Structures are given as structure tokens and as C-alpha cells.
C-alpha atoms as a PDB file:
ATOM      1  CA  MET A   1      23.509 -61.423 -27.225  1.00  0.00           C
ATOM      2  CA  LYS A   2      26.785 -59.571 -27.627  1.00  0.00           C
ATOM      3  CA  LYS A   3      29.144 -61.090 -30.186  1.00  0.00           C
ATOM      4  CA  SER A   4      31.913 -61.589 -27.625  1.00  0.00           C
ATOM      5  CA  VAL A   5      29.712 -63.679 -25.302  1.00  0.00           C
ATOM      6  CA  LEU A   6      29.631 -67.445 -25.753  1.00  0.00           C
ATOM      7  CA  ASP A   7      26.269 -68.725 -26.956  1.00  0.00           C
ATOM      8  CA  PRO A   8      26.139 -72.471 -26.245  1.00  0.00           C
ATOM      9  CA  GLN A   9      22.553 -72.754 -27.462  1.00  0.00           C
ATOM     10  CA  GLY A  10      23.469 -71.064 -30.746  1.00  0.00           C
ATOM     11  CA  ALA A  11      26.484 -73.370 -31.130  1.00  0.00           C
ATOM     12  CA  ALA A  12      24.290 -76.432 -30.537  1.00  0.00           C
ATOM     13  CA  VAL A  13      21.764 -75.275 -33.151  1.00  0.00           C
ATOM     14  CA  GLU A  14      24.557 -74.560 -35.641  1.00  0.00           C
ATOM     15  CA  LYS A  15      26.031 -78.042 -35.096  1.00  0.00           C
ATOM     16  CA  ALA A  16      22.607 -79.684 -35.461  1.00  0.00           C
ATOM     17  CA  LEU A  17      21.923 -77.784 -38.688  1.00  0.00           C
ATOM     18  CA  ALA A  18      25.276 -78.938 -40.091  1.00  0.00           C
ATOM     19  CA  ALA A  19      24.401 -82.531 -39.154  1.00  0.00           C
ATOM     20  CA  LEU A  20      21.145 -82.155 -41.090  1.00  0.00           C
ATOM     21  CA  GLY A  21      23.063 -81.078 -44.171  1.00  0.00           C
ATOM     22  CA  TYR A  22      22.911 -77.307 -43.752  1.00  0.00           C
ATOM     23  CA  GLY A  23      26.669 -76.788 -43.668  1.00  0.00           C
ATOM     24  CA  ASN A  24      26.401 -73.334 -45.191  1.00  0.00           C
ATOM     25  CA  VAL A  25      24.837 -71.877 -42.003  1.00  0.00           C
ATOM     26  CA  GLY A  26      27.123 -70.154 -39.519  1.00  0.00           C
ATOM     27  CA  ARG A  27      27.218 -67.666 -36.675  1.00  0.00           C
ATOM     28  CA  VAL A  28      23.937 -68.897 -35.186  1.00  0.00           C
ATOM     29  CA  ARG A  29      22.784 -66.815 -32.226  1.00  0.00           C
ATOM     30  CA  VAL A  30      19.771 -67.680 -30.101  1.00  0.00           C
ATOM     31  CA  GLY A  31      18.088 -64.860 -28.212  1.00  0.00           C
ATOM     32  CA  LYS A  32      14.753 -63.781 -26.857  1.00  0.00           C
ATOM     33  CA  TYR A  33      11.866 -61.884 -28.349  1.00  0.00           C
ATOM     34  CA  MET A  34       9.302 -59.870 -26.419  1.00  0.00           C
ATOM     35  CA  GLU A  35       6.174 -57.963 -27.347  1.00  0.00           C
ATOM     36  CA  LEU A  36       4.734 -55.209 -25.174  1.00  0.00           C
ATOM     37  CA  LEU A  37       1.576 -53.167 -25.572  1.00  0.00           C
ATOM     38  CA  LEU A  38       2.023 -49.640 -24.219  1.00  0.00           C
ATOM     39  CA  GLU A  39      -0.577 -46.940 -23.921  1.00  0.00           C
ATOM     40  CA  LYS A  40       1.324 -43.706 -24.486  1.00  0.00           C
ATOM     41  CA  ALA A  41       0.381 -40.422 -26.091  1.00  0.00           C
ATOM     42  CA  SER A  42       3.402 -40.257 -28.363  1.00  0.00           C
ATOM     43  CA  GLU A  43       6.060 -42.412 -29.963  1.00  0.00           C
ATOM     44  CA  GLU A  44       8.699 -40.430 -28.053  1.00  0.00           C
ATOM     45  CA  GLU A  45       7.091 -41.286 -24.702  1.00  0.00           C
ATOM     46  CA  ALA A  46       6.811 -44.948 -25.666  1.00  0.00           C
ATOM     47  CA  SER A  47      10.437 -45.052 -26.807  1.00  0.00           C
ATOM     48  CA  ALA A  48      11.659 -43.454 -23.584  1.00  0.00           C
ATOM     49  CA  GLN A  49       9.691 -45.958 -21.502  1.00  0.00           C
ATOM     50  CA  VAL A  50      10.957 -48.935 -23.517  1.00  0.00           C
ATOM     51  CA  GLU A  51      14.563 -47.745 -23.109  1.00  0.00           C
ATOM     52  CA  GLU A  52      14.075 -47.416 -19.358  1.00  0.00           C
ATOM     53  CA  MET A  53      12.424 -50.845 -19.026  1.00  0.00           C
ATOM     54  CA  CYS A  54      15.235 -52.475 -21.005  1.00  0.00           C
ATOM     55  CA  ARG A  55      17.910 -50.887 -18.821  1.00  0.00           C
ATOM     56  CA  ARG A  56      16.126 -51.634 -15.545  1.00  0.00           C
ATOM     57  CA  LEU A  57      14.714 -55.117 -16.090  1.00  0.00           C
ATOM     58  CA  LEU A  58      14.364 -56.640 -19.537  1.00  0.00           C
ATOM     59  CA  THR A  59      18.025 -56.956 -20.566  1.00  0.00           C
ATOM     60  CA  ASN A  60      21.384 -57.728 -19.047  1.00  0.00           C
ATOM     61  CA  PRO A  61      23.631 -55.057 -20.598  1.00  0.00           C
ATOM     62  CA  VAL A  62      26.773 -57.004 -19.663  1.00  0.00           C
ATOM     63  CA  ILE A  63      25.981 -59.804 -22.114  1.00  0.00           C
ATOM     64  CA  GLU A  64      23.014 -58.627 -24.198  1.00  0.00           C
ATOM     65  CA  GLU A  65      22.254 -56.059 -26.842  1.00  0.00           C
ATOM     66  CA  TYR A  66      18.715 -55.120 -27.784  1.00  0.00           C
ATOM     67  CA  THR A  67      16.699 -53.420 -30.461  1.00  0.00           C
ATOM     68  CA  TYR A  68      13.047 -52.515 -30.533  1.00  0.00           C
ATOM     69  CA  ARG A  69      10.375 -51.276 -32.898  1.00  0.00           C
ATOM     70  CA  ILE A  70       7.391 -49.160 -32.014  1.00  0.00           C
ATOM     71  CA  TYR A  71       4.150 -49.527 -33.923  1.00  0.00           C
ATOM     72  CA  ARG A  72       1.047 -47.427 -33.558  1.00  0.00           C
ATOM     73  CA  ALA A  73      -2.107 -49.416 -32.831  1.00  0.00           C
ATOM     74  CA  ASP A  74      -3.651 -48.077 -36.024  1.00  0.00           C
ATOM     75  CA  ASP A  75      -0.720 -49.349 -38.173  1.00  0.00           C
ATOM     76  CA  GLY A  76      -2.550 -52.623 -38.598  1.00  0.00           C
ATOM     77  CA  VAL A  77       0.240 -54.641 -36.959  1.00  0.00           C
ATOM     78  CA  ASP A  78      -1.102 -57.549 -34.932  1.00  0.00           C
ATOM     79  CA  LYS A  79       0.117 -57.037 -31.367  1.00  0.00           C
END
């Protein structure tokens, strides 16, 4: 979520953590996490498709920012 957008869920978590004695925690942001399995010939093709999907459906660019990582199936990363 963009820093300028209010995050009531993050604020609630921050307040709850303080109540539990974790007063040194601040700037809590709560967001979403997605995993996708793509079958593409190259990392460039996969990256282009992910960018397009984020712009068209997966994010709201008015209030959200996003990052992504691309792993090859043979990298040993559990998808």
C-alpha cells in the first residue's frame, strides 16, 4: 500500500502489538501476497506478463504499490 494511504488494518495491528508489550514496533503496513506459476520461455516474457496482469487486474495503482520476483522452476524454490 502506498505510504500516503491510510491503513486501518496496519494501525490496528500496531496498536495491538504495543498492547502486548512490543512498543518498539512502528509503521505497520498490512498488504497482500500472491504466488503465480507461469509457463513462459524466458524471464523477460514472464516479467512483461506479470507487469501487465498487475496493471490490468491484480493491483489498484491509486492506492497500492507492488513488487514481484521471478524464479525459474529449476531454481528449487517451492511454488
